[in-house]
Every structure is written in structure tokens, then in C-alpha cells.
Protein backbone atom coordinates (compact mmCIF):
# COMPACT_ATOMS: atom_id res chain seq x y z
CA MET A 1 0.49 -0.22 0.26
CA ASP A 2 1.51 3.34 -0.52
CA SER A 3 0.65 4.14 2.78
CA GLU A 4 3.20 1.62 3.68
CA ASN A 5 5.73 3.71 1.76
CA ARG A 6 5.66 6.86 3.32
CA VAL A 7 7.57 8.44 6.66
CA ILE A 8 6.82 11.03 8.96
CA LEU A 9 9.55 13.09 10.10
CA ASN A 10 8.87 15.58 13.10
CA VAL A 11 11.92 18.03 13.38
CA GLY A 12 11.62 20.86 15.98
CA GLY A 13 8.04 20.16 15.86
CA ILE A 14 6.78 20.87 12.57
CA ARG A 15 5.67 17.09 10.65
CA HIS A 16 6.92 16.10 7.55
CA GLU A 17 5.69 13.29 5.52
CA THR A 18 7.80 12.24 2.23
CA TYR A 19 8.10 8.75 0.97
CA LYS A 20 10.87 5.90 2.25
CA ALA A 21 12.20 6.31 -1.74
CA THR A 22 12.82 9.63 -1.85
CA LEU A 23 14.77 9.53 0.97
CA LYS A 24 17.25 6.88 -0.73
CA LYS A 25 18.23 9.07 -3.61
CA ILE A 26 20.80 10.43 -1.51
CA PRO A 27 23.05 7.01 -0.16
CA ALA A 28 24.84 7.47 2.81
CA THR A 29 23.41 10.20 4.67
CA ARG A 30 20.82 10.22 7.65
CA LEU A 31 18.08 10.09 6.44
CA SER A 32 18.72 7.12 3.90
CA ARG A 33 19.78 4.89 6.87
CA LEU A 34 16.39 5.24 8.93
CA THR A 35 14.88 2.34 10.20
CA GLU A 36 12.72 1.48 13.21
CA ALA A 37 14.80 0.24 15.17
CA LEU A 38 16.26 3.79 16.02
CA ALA A 39 15.98 5.40 19.25
CA ASN A 40 14.11 8.98 18.47
CA TYR A 41 11.45 6.59 16.73
CA ASP A 42 7.94 6.30 18.31
CA PRO A 43 6.13 3.34 17.00
CA VAL A 44 2.90 5.25 18.85
CA LEU A 45 2.93 8.10 16.38
CA ASN A 46 4.56 6.17 13.57
CA GLU A 47 7.66 9.34 13.30
CA TYR A 48 10.78 9.67 13.68
CA PHE A 49 11.57 13.01 15.80
CA PHE A 50 14.98 15.47 15.78
CA ASP A 51 15.24 17.99 18.25
CA ARG A 52 16.95 19.84 14.86
CA HIS A 53 16.40 23.60 13.05
CA PRO A 54 12.70 23.02 11.25
CA GLY A 55 13.54 25.89 8.87
CA VAL A 56 16.44 24.51 7.49
CA PHE A 57 15.47 20.81 7.20
CA ALA A 58 12.80 22.34 4.93
CA GLN A 59 15.55 22.77 2.56
CA VAL A 60 17.22 19.43 2.83
CA LEU A 61 14.11 17.96 2.30
CA ASN A 62 13.70 19.94 -0.79
CA TYR A 63 16.83 18.56 -1.93
CA TYR A 64 15.89 15.09 -1.51
CA ARG A 65 12.37 15.88 -3.53
CA THR A 66 14.66 17.60 -6.67
CA GLY A 67 18.52 17.65 -6.35
CA LYS A 68 18.91 21.09 -6.11
CA LEU A 69 20.17 22.79 -2.54
CA HIS A 70 19.39 25.95 -1.59
CA TYR A 71 20.26 28.72 1.07
CA PRO A 72 17.70 29.84 3.59
CA THR A 73 18.33 33.77 4.10
CA ASP A 74 17.04 33.49 7.45
CA VAL A 75 19.00 31.61 9.12
CA CYS A 76 23.33 32.20 10.13
CA GLY A 77 25.79 30.88 7.67
CA PRO A 78 27.18 28.51 9.86
CA LEU A 79 24.16 27.20 11.86
CA PHE A 80 23.68 25.97 8.10
CA GLU A 81 26.73 24.44 7.43
CA GLU A 82 25.82 22.31 11.32
CA GLU A 83 22.51 21.40 9.88
CA LEU A 84 23.83 20.26 6.88
CA GLU A 85 26.59 18.17 8.58
CA PHE A 86 23.93 16.81 11.25
CA TRP A 87 21.87 15.88 8.16
CA GLY A 88 25.04 14.21 6.62
CA LEU A 89 25.25 16.41 3.46
CA ASP A 90 27.26 18.76 1.33
CA SER A 91 27.66 22.38 1.54
CA ASN A 92 29.32 22.88 -1.41
CA GLN A 93 26.21 21.40 -3.12
CA VAL A 94 24.58 25.02 -2.46
CA GLU A 95 22.74 26.37 -5.86
CA PRO A 96 24.71 28.77 -7.82
CA CYS A 97 21.94 31.39 -7.31
CA CYS A 98 22.11 31.00 -3.33
CA TRP A 99 26.27 30.59 -3.62
CA MET A 100 27.24 34.10 -2.81
CA THR A 101 24.40 34.83 -0.20
CA TYR A 102 25.32 32.01 1.48
CA THR A 103 29.36 32.22 1.36
CA GLN A 104 28.98 35.95 3.05
CA HIS A 105 29.54 34.55 6.85
CA ARG A 106 32.79 32.70 5.37
CA ASP A 107 34.23 36.84 4.17
CA THR A 108 32.85 37.42 7.72
CA GLN A 109 35.06 35.06 9.80
CA GLU A 110 38.02 36.22 7.35
CA THR A 111 37.22 39.75 8.66
CA LEU A 112 36.91 39.04 12.43
CA THR A 113 39.85 37.16 11.82
CA VAL A 114 41.74 39.66 11.05
CA LEU A 115 40.59 42.23 13.34
CA ASP A 116 42.27 39.90 16.35
CA ARG A 117 45.11 39.96 14.49
CA LEU A 118 45.18 43.71 14.61
CA ASP A 119 44.11 43.40 18.32
CA LEU A 120 41.77 46.13 18.36
CA ASP A 121 39.38 45.49 21.78
CA THR A 122 40.07 48.45 24.09
CA GLU A 123 38.14 46.51 26.45
CA LYS A 124 40.98 45.42 29.64
CA PRO A 125 41.64 41.53 29.37
CA SER A 126 41.10 39.08 32.24
CA ASP A 127 43.78 37.70 34.58
CA GLU A 128 43.05 34.66 33.06
CA GLU A 129 43.35 36.13 29.38
CA VAL A 130 46.72 38.09 30.41
CA ALA A 131 48.41 35.15 31.58
CA ARG A 132 47.57 32.99 28.76
CA LYS A 133 48.91 35.78 26.53
CA PHE A 134 52.49 35.90 28.04
CA GLY A 135 52.91 32.05 28.31
CA PHE A 136 52.56 31.20 32.11
CA GLU A 137 48.78 30.48 32.86
CA ASP A 138 49.77 27.14 35.00
CA ALA A 139 51.59 29.48 37.34
CA TYR A 140 48.79 31.52 37.25
CA ILE A 141 46.34 28.83 38.09
CA ASN A 142 49.21 27.43 40.90
CA GLY A 143 49.29 31.21 42.65
CA GLU A 144 52.84 30.65 41.86
CA LEU A 145 53.52 33.68 39.43
CA THR A 146 56.59 35.96 40.46
CA PRO A 147 57.21 39.44 40.47
CA TRP A 148 58.40 39.61 37.28
CA GLN A 149 55.30 37.57 35.65
CA THR A 150 53.43 39.96 37.77
CA ILE A 151 54.57 43.14 36.97
CA LYS A 152 55.15 42.06 33.02
CA PRO A 153 52.19 42.58 31.65
CA ARG A 154 51.25 45.76 33.38
CA ILE A 155 54.42 47.39 31.48
CA TRP A 156 53.04 45.94 28.23
CA SER A 157 50.10 47.58 28.99
CA LEU A 158 51.39 51.03 29.86
CA PHE A 159 53.35 51.02 26.15
CA ASP A 160 51.08 49.07 24.15
CA GLU A 161 47.63 49.09 24.75
CA PRO A 162 46.59 52.55 25.63
CA TYR A 163 43.03 52.46 26.64
CA SER A 164 44.01 49.99 29.19
CA SER A 165 44.44 52.23 32.20
CA SER A 166 44.46 56.56 32.73
CA ALA A 167 48.43 56.05 32.69
CA ALA A 168 48.82 53.88 29.57
CA LYS A 169 46.68 56.71 27.76
CA LEU A 170 49.35 59.40 29.62
CA ILE A 171 52.02 57.17 27.48
CA ALA A 172 50.30 56.90 24.38
CA ILE A 173 50.16 60.98 24.45
CA ILE A 174 54.26 61.14 25.17
CA SER A 175 54.64 59.09 22.71
CA VAL A 176 52.89 60.69 20.33
CA PHE A 177 54.03 64.26 21.33
CA PHE A 178 57.64 62.86 20.78
CA ASN A 179 57.02 61.26 17.30
CA CYS A 180 55.18 64.57 15.90
CA VAL A 181 58.26 66.63 17.33
CA SER A 182 60.75 64.39 15.58
CA ILE A 183 58.86 64.91 12.55
CA LEU A 184 58.31 68.24 12.48
CA SER A 185 61.84 68.64 13.48
CA PHE A 186 62.96 66.78 11.02
CA CYS A 187 61.29 68.81 8.08
CA LEU A 188 61.76 72.03 9.87
CA LYS A 189 65.64 72.17 9.59
CA THR A 190 65.50 71.94 5.69
CA HIS A 191 63.97 75.56 5.37
CA PRO A 192 66.49 78.21 4.51
CA ASP A 193 65.64 80.04 7.40
CA MET A 194 66.52 77.55 10.14
CA ARG A 195 70.22 76.63 8.77
CA VAL A 196 73.03 78.12 9.99
CA PRO A 197 75.48 79.20 7.28
CA VAL A 198 79.34 77.79 7.21
CA LEU A 199 81.62 80.24 6.49
CA HIS A 200 85.45 79.67 5.89
CA ASN A 201 88.76 82.29 5.54
CA VAL A 202 89.80 82.19 2.09
CA THR A 203 93.41 84.05 1.98
CA VAL A 204 93.64 85.67 -1.91
CA VAL A 205 97.26 86.77 -2.91
CA THR A 206 97.08 90.34 -4.57
CA GLY A 207 100.04 92.18 -5.99
CA ARG A 208 103.33 93.62 -4.72
CA ASN A 209 102.98 90.27 -2.33
CA ARG A 210 100.38 91.46 -0.43
CA SER A 211 97.54 88.88 0.98
CA SER A 212 94.05 89.59 1.88
CA TRP A 213 91.02 87.25 3.33
CA SER A 214 87.80 87.06 2.80
CA MET A 215 84.63 84.42 4.46
CA ILE A 216 83.19 82.11 1.86
CA LYS A 217 79.89 80.84 2.16
CA THR A 218 80.63 76.81 1.69
CA HIS A 219 77.33 74.70 2.64
CA THR A 220 74.64 75.38 5.42
CA ASP A 221 73.66 73.27 8.33
CA PRO A 222 70.44 72.86 10.92
CA HIS A 223 70.16 75.00 14.08
CA VAL A 224 72.10 73.67 16.28
CA TYR A 225 68.69 73.65 18.21
CA PHE A 226 67.46 70.84 15.89
CA PHE A 227 70.15 68.46 17.57
CA PHE A 228 68.93 68.88 20.74
CA VAL A 229 65.55 68.32 20.33
CA GLU A 230 66.29 65.00 18.48
CA CYS A 231 68.58 63.85 20.93
CA ALA A 232 65.52 64.53 23.52
CA CYS A 233 63.29 62.65 21.16
CA ASN A 234 65.34 59.95 20.04
CA ALA A 235 66.06 59.25 23.68
CA TRP A 236 62.62 58.50 24.53
CA PHE A 237 62.57 56.43 21.73
CA THR A 238 65.23 54.35 22.52
CA PHE A 239 63.96 53.82 25.97
CA GLU A 240 60.64 53.17 24.50
CA ILE A 241 61.81 50.28 22.09
CA ILE A 242 63.84 48.56 25.07
CA VAL A 243 61.27 48.83 27.30
CA ARG A 244 58.49 47.24 25.22
CA PHE A 245 61.49 44.51 23.99
CA LEU A 246 62.04 43.43 27.38
CA VAL A 247 58.34 43.08 27.77
CA ALA A 248 56.63 41.83 24.82
CA PRO A 249 54.29 38.62 25.14
CA ASN A 250 56.56 36.78 22.15
CA LYS A 251 59.89 38.13 21.26
CA ARG A 252 59.91 36.56 17.94
CA LEU A 253 56.36 38.30 16.86
CA PHE A 254 57.82 41.92 17.90
CA SER A 255 61.02 41.71 15.90
CA LYS A 256 59.03 40.53 12.65
CA ASP A 257 56.79 43.42 12.98
CA MET A 258 56.72 46.17 10.47
CA ILE A 259 55.46 48.65 12.56
CA ASN A 260 58.97 47.77 15.23
CA ILE A 261 61.68 47.27 12.70
CA ILE A 262 61.23 50.53 11.56
CA ASP A 263 61.00 52.06 14.45
CA LEU A 264 64.52 50.25 15.19
CA VAL A 265 65.79 51.77 11.76
CA ALA A 266 65.04 55.06 12.22
CA THR A 267 66.08 54.80 16.10
CA LEU A 268 69.54 53.50 14.66
CA SER A 269 69.89 55.93 11.91
CA PHE A 270 70.60 58.71 14.42
CA TYR A 271 73.00 57.34 16.07
CA MET A 272 74.86 55.80 13.31
CA ASP A 273 74.32 59.43 11.65
CA LEU A 274 75.79 60.76 15.21
CA ILE A 275 78.82 58.68 15.18
CA LEU A 276 79.81 59.06 11.28
CA LYS A 277 79.49 62.41 11.82
CA GLU A 278 81.82 63.08 14.81
CA GLY A 279 84.34 60.43 13.51
CA THR A 280 84.26 61.49 9.70
CA LYS A 281 84.86 64.99 8.70
CA LEU A 282 84.89 63.70 4.76
CA ILE A 283 80.99 62.22 5.59
CA SER A 284 80.01 65.46 7.82
CA ASP A 285 80.57 67.62 4.78
CA SER A 286 77.89 65.86 2.38
CA ASP A 287 74.61 65.15 2.36
CA LEU A 288 74.64 61.27 1.99
CA LEU A 289 73.65 61.14 5.67
CA GLU A 290 70.41 63.46 5.73
CA PHE A 291 69.59 61.11 3.17
CA PHE A 292 69.32 57.99 4.55
CA SER A 293 68.24 59.21 7.76
CA ILE A 294 64.60 59.64 5.87
CA ILE A 295 63.65 56.82 7.27
CA ARG A 296 63.16 58.78 10.20
CA ILE A 297 59.65 60.04 8.47
CA PHE A 298 58.63 56.85 7.86
CA ARG A 299 57.66 56.93 12.20
CA LEU A 300 54.29 58.31 11.49
CA PHE A 301 53.86 54.64 11.03
CA LYS A 302 53.57 54.36 14.71
CA LEU A 303 50.40 56.63 15.14
CA THR A 304 48.77 53.14 13.72
CA ARG A 305 49.29 51.57 17.22
CA HIS A 306 47.17 54.37 18.84
CA SER A 307 44.34 54.31 16.05
CA PRO A 308 42.47 51.80 15.26
CA GLY A 309 41.45 53.84 12.44
CA LEU A 310 44.41 53.78 10.77
CA ARG A 311 45.23 50.19 11.32
CA ILE A 312 42.00 49.52 9.93
CA LEU A 313 43.01 52.02 7.04
CA MET A 314 46.49 50.14 6.25
CA GLN A 315 44.87 47.15 6.51
CA THR A 316 42.45 48.02 3.61
CA PHE A 317 44.91 48.75 1.27
CA VAL A 318 46.71 45.24 2.02
CA ALA A 319 43.03 43.53 1.35
CA SER A 320 42.53 45.78 -1.52
CA ALA A 321 46.44 44.69 -2.96
CA SER A 322 45.24 42.68 -5.84
CA GLU A 323 42.91 45.34 -6.90
CA LEU A 324 45.98 47.79 -6.86
CA VAL A 325 47.89 45.50 -8.86
CA LEU A 326 45.48 45.71 -11.46
CA LEU A 327 45.41 49.29 -11.37
CA VAL A 328 49.26 49.55 -11.66
CA PHE A 329 49.12 46.91 -14.46
CA PHE A 330 46.39 49.32 -16.54
CA MET A 331 47.74 52.41 -15.75
CA ILE A 332 50.95 50.93 -17.43
CA LEU A 333 49.73 49.72 -20.89
CA GLY A 334 47.76 53.01 -20.80
CA VAL A 335 50.54 54.74 -20.01
CA VAL A 336 52.92 53.59 -23.00
CA MET A 337 50.23 52.91 -25.32
CA PHE A 338 49.31 56.73 -24.82
CA ALA A 339 53.02 57.97 -25.13
CA THR A 340 53.53 56.00 -28.26
CA LEU A 341 50.31 57.22 -30.16
CA VAL A 342 51.06 61.30 -29.40
CA TYR A 343 54.57 60.89 -30.28
CA TYR A 344 53.69 59.83 -33.39
CA GLY A 345 50.49 61.62 -33.59
CA GLU A 346 52.52 65.00 -32.96
CA ARG A 347 55.25 64.18 -35.75
CA MET A 348 52.77 63.27 -38.44
CA PHE A 349 51.29 66.63 -39.63
CA ARG A 350 53.76 70.04 -39.71
CA ASN A 351 54.32 71.04 -36.38
CA PRO A 352 56.61 73.69 -35.34
CA PHE A 353 56.30 73.68 -31.39
CA ASN A 354 56.53 69.63 -30.82
CA GLU A 355 57.49 69.19 -27.53
CA PHE A 356 56.97 65.04 -27.99
CA THR A 357 60.88 65.18 -28.99
CA SER A 358 60.81 61.39 -27.50
CA ILE A 359 58.01 58.20 -26.50
CA PRO A 360 60.63 58.96 -22.94
CA ASP A 361 58.89 62.61 -23.10
CA GLY A 362 55.84 61.04 -23.62
CA LEU A 363 55.79 58.37 -20.79
CA TRP A 364 55.52 61.83 -18.45
CA TRP A 365 52.76 63.76 -20.48
CA ALA A 366 50.47 60.29 -20.54
CA VAL A 367 51.05 59.76 -16.71
CA VAL A 368 50.28 63.38 -15.87
CA THR A 369 47.19 62.94 -18.36
CA MET A 370 45.71 59.82 -16.98
CA THR A 371 45.98 60.54 -13.68
CA THR A 372 43.59 63.75 -13.91
CA ILE A 373 46.45 65.77 -12.92
CA GLY A 374 47.55 67.97 -16.26
CA TYR A 375 50.19 70.39 -15.14
CA GLY A 376 50.49 71.48 -18.37
CA ASP A 377 54.08 71.55 -19.13
CA MET A 378 53.42 69.75 -22.26
CA THR A 379 50.52 70.03 -24.27
CA PRO A 380 49.52 68.32 -28.05
CA LYS A 381 49.08 71.19 -30.82
CA THR A 382 47.99 68.82 -33.86
CA TYR A 383 44.34 67.79 -33.78
CA ILE A 384 45.58 64.15 -33.81
CA GLY A 385 47.19 64.58 -30.51
CA MET A 386 44.36 66.61 -29.07
CA CYS A 387 42.01 63.88 -29.88
CA ILE A 388 44.78 60.87 -28.46
CA GLY A 389 45.14 63.09 -25.46
CA ALA A 390 41.19 63.26 -24.60
CA LEU A 391 41.17 59.80 -25.46
CA CYS A 392 43.99 59.51 -22.71
CA ALA A 393 42.65 61.64 -19.91
CA LEU A 394 39.10 59.46 -20.65
CA ALA A 395 40.90 56.38 -20.05
CA GLY A 396 42.83 57.32 -17.06
CA SER A 397 39.30 58.04 -15.38
CA LEU A 398 37.54 55.07 -15.78
CA ALA A 399 40.96 52.85 -15.10
CA LEU A 400 41.13 55.29 -11.60
CA ALA A 401 37.77 54.75 -10.77
CA ILE A 402 37.61 50.89 -11.28
CA PRO A 403 39.00 49.73 -7.88
CA VAL A 404 37.83 52.65 -5.77
CA PRO A 405 34.26 51.67 -5.01
CA ILE A 406 36.51 47.92 -4.04
CA MET A 407 38.53 49.75 -1.61
CA VAL A 408 35.40 51.67 -0.42
CA ASN A 409 33.51 48.50 0.79
CA ASN A 410 36.61 46.93 2.36
CA PHE A 411 36.90 49.39 4.27
CA THR A 412 33.12 49.67 5.24
CA ARG A 413 33.68 46.24 5.78
CA PHE A 414 36.22 46.08 8.38
CA TYR A 415 34.81 49.58 10.07
CA SER A 416 31.54 48.52 11.05
CA HIS A 417 32.48 44.93 12.02
CA ALA A 418 35.36 46.78 14.11
CA ASP A 419 32.41 49.06 15.58
CA ALA A 420 30.10 46.03 15.88
CA ARG A 421 32.65 44.18 18.17
CA ALA A 422 33.14 47.46 20.57
CA LYS A 423 29.70 47.43 20.78
CA LEU A 424 28.96 43.57 21.27
CA PRO A 425 28.29 42.80 25.34
CA LYS A 426 31.85 41.04 26.12
CA LYS A 427 30.09 39.07 29.09
CA ARG A 428 27.04 36.61 27.76
CA ARG A 429 25.35 33.84 29.03
CA ARG A 430 27.24 30.82 27.93
CA VAL A 431 24.25 27.54 27.36
CA HIS A 432 26.22 24.44 28.26
CA PRO A 433 24.45 21.23 26.49
CA VAL A 434 23.26 18.70 29.18
CA GLU A 435 23.87 14.89 28.48
CA ALA A 436 22.72 11.86 29.68
CA PRO A 437 23.82 8.64 28.50
CA ARG A 438 20.99 5.78 27.72
CA PRO A 439 20.95 3.17 29.75
CA LYS A 440 20.99 -0.13 28.68
CA GLY A 441 17.85 -1.26 29.92
CA GLY A 442 15.68 1.57 27.65
CA ALA A 443 14.98 3.93 30.44
CA LEU A 444 16.53 7.42 31.42
CA LYS A 445 17.53 7.16 35.17
CA PRO A 446 15.56 9.34 37.84
CA GLY A 447 16.60 12.91 37.99
CA ALA A 448 18.95 12.54 35.07
CA GLY A 449 18.53 15.71 32.97
CA GLN A 450 17.32 15.29 29.05
CA PRO A 451 19.53 14.55 26.34
CA ALA A 452 20.56 17.69 23.89
CA ASN A 453 20.47 15.06 21.09
CA SER A 454 16.77 14.01 21.01
CA ASP A 455 18.53 11.30 18.31
CA ASN A 456 19.34 9.07 21.20
CA PHE A 457 16.11 8.46 23.58
CA SER A 458 12.24 7.68 22.58
CA LEU A 459 9.36 10.03 23.31
CA GLN A 460 7.21 6.86 24.26
CA GLY A 461 7.56 8.46 27.88
CA SER A 462 6.27 11.83 27.03
CA LEU A 463 3.09 10.29 25.81
CA LYS A 464 1.82 8.27 28.43
CA GLY A 465 -0.53 10.07 30.93
CA PRO A 466 -0.26 11.37 34.44
CA ARG A 467 0.78 9.18 37.17
CA ASN A 468 -2.16 8.36 39.63
CA ASN A 469 -0.45 9.69 43.21
CA ALA A 470 -3.15 8.64 45.31
């Protein structure tokens, strides 16, 4: 009979009825192996009970019927994957129409992983989390922390976590102050009004065995006050990097951090400059050391340690690296093509004011035109050159506009998740599953809790009427 081939599935309180042949369409799955010997089969109601998500199961059962797996938009992606794993199905079988919506949670998980690596959390961690971070969790649990293990995390919080306390905020303000003063001093000492001329006496022999001397300016040096300012700033930078290295949770990761490498190289460049200037007069008279001291300007990246927004912005450029590489490729292709076209276009007709004497000169014009800057130092004079210039400007505008929305989306994605996680309550109630093993006799022990997975127990006891205690 047709009724003998039907099977009733009760999932989360919602009953579904289908044919046994339908469940056999996808072998090696939970539903394809249903038998009446299972613990979750109720012979009174003639149904199988599963304490699972009923909304996801509707799509699971539809997959058995039609062979097409669709993603329900009212559930979270990890929940959908857990349900598919329970029913023994492959999440890669999701239809293409739902694939983009379904995989959004994977992008979200990758974003949260990046934010965890950036350490944007401004909440003060617990003592146990701090002990785990510094690798002496066992000593913390046993109550055997040494004085150095107690004070080490506090010093690290002062210098590396500006939102952990008021003292840490003060240290961060001092660090930003010296950083800004160092950059400002590095820029101002190149101004002509901030430099002192270096004069030398030159003896000139005149006629009749007479000689005279005059003062000649050979070069200029920065004012001596800039040297004292740099000494004060680098004294703080040296003290800061030494302390942070000594109290770092992981010295290997600390040494591999690019910001710390820049800080170390910039600090060492000051001392190398000082040693070479004092030791070798030949080098002190040249601008070679001042050129290499440009590494100090990269101390601006240290501000990212005190600003979560700057770290998110830097991560946006990292996440958009492929789009930026594609932009550079298109720009190089366009620059070479339009530089060649404008060079030969200006030579096709008589042009006494031709400014494109070579293709390398055209490369500079193409870069300026494609980036829509237009200095006006080189301009085409013929009609063909003007048409090529118009096409070059349009192509540059389109090439620059392509990666901008992608970078904006990446920044919005990182910033929105960081802002949402900052507002997320840190202490939330945890639901612990209570599981009771099923005895061999088939009945649960008195006082035992209900099992979390209803596949392991029968509902027959719940169908009996109330006991008569009289």
C-alpha cells in the first residue's frame, strides 16, 4: 500500500511527510538509513523525531525531492553548515543562485580573524587571558606568579595598550608628542631660515706680495637647537623600544612586526649619523647621511599603534592589494600606449612647436594626463594629438574609478565589523548542553536531565498519561 511507503519526520515540532524512496535518492546520509530500531522512532505516532532546526530541514527535504540545495536567508551561515553536517550533506552542493549569499559568512569570519590579528579590542582583558597571552597560565592557576611575571603585563599594557588605563593613555600621549616633534623637526630643519651658513676664511694673494682674506659660505647646517631636539626625541624612542622588547609577550613576533622594525631602524640611523659625523669629517660635509635619515619620516606609521582607524585603513590597502596591482597594470599599459600614440601623432603633421621629442617624454605626459593632474608643461598641438590626449584622460578616469568602490567596500566591511564588535557585550551567558547517557535497559535514570540530541532517546514516556499518586 502507498501508506506503507510513507515516512513521517518530526523536526523541531514541525511534521514532514514524504516517501521512503525519496530519502533513498541521496545514499550514505542520515535520512537514507532510517529504521524503526532507532531510539528516536516513536511507534505510537509512527514518526521519527529530530530536535533540529525546522527551517533548515525544509530546504534539506527539498534537496531530497528536487536534487537542488538552496540556502535559506533567515538563518546564519555557520548554523546552516552545522545542520547540513548533521544530516550528512555536503555544503558545496548549494545552488549557484544562493552561493554568493551563503558564502557571506565566510567573508565575515575572515574579517573577524583579521580584526583579531589587529588587536583592536579596547576592553581590559581578564587576568587569566593576560596570563595565557604571556605564556604563564599554569603559574597563574597554581598561584605561583613571580614578581616579574606580575609586573611584566602591566608594563606591556602601559606602552602597547593605550586604552587599558589612564597611565597608558598618558604614555600614549607622550609617545605621540615625541613622534610629532621628531617629524616636525625633521621637516623644519630643511627650511633656509632654519639653517646656519658655514663660513670659511680664504686667503687671496694680491700683487706686490700682499694678501687678503675673505669669508666664503660653503654650505649650510641645521640650527644647533634641532640637534638637541632630536637627542631628546631619540632618547625617548630608545627607552620605549627597549622597554617594549623586554616586556613583549612574544619577542619573535615583536621582532617581525614591521612597525617595530621601522622604529628600530629609524632610531639606529640617528646614532649612526651621530657616530659618522663625529668620526669622519668627509662624511659630515656631505648630504649622504641626511638622505639616509629619511627613514625617520616613516615613524608616522607608529601612530597606527594608537589609532584603530589607521590600522583599519592600512588593512584596507592590504586587502585591496590585488585590485591595486590590477590598477597599476592598467596604468602602465595605458601610459605606454598613449605615449607612443601621441609621439607619432604629433609627428604626422607639420608642428614647429612639437614638445614630444621622444617616447620617454610622452610617458611623463601620459602619466600626468591619465591621473587627471594636467600640469600643462607638455601639450599636444595637432588635432590628432588633442584627440589622443582626450582619449588618454578618459581612459585614466575609468581606470582610476574601477578599484575605488572595492576599496571603499573593504574599508566599510572592516570598520563596520570593528565598530559592531566594540559594542558587543563581553560577558554573555553560555548555554551548556546537558547530556544523559542512555542506559542499556532503555529507561532514563531518575533525575537525569534530558539529552541534547533527541536521536538518542525515545519519546514514548512523554506520551503516557499523568501518574496517579493516590
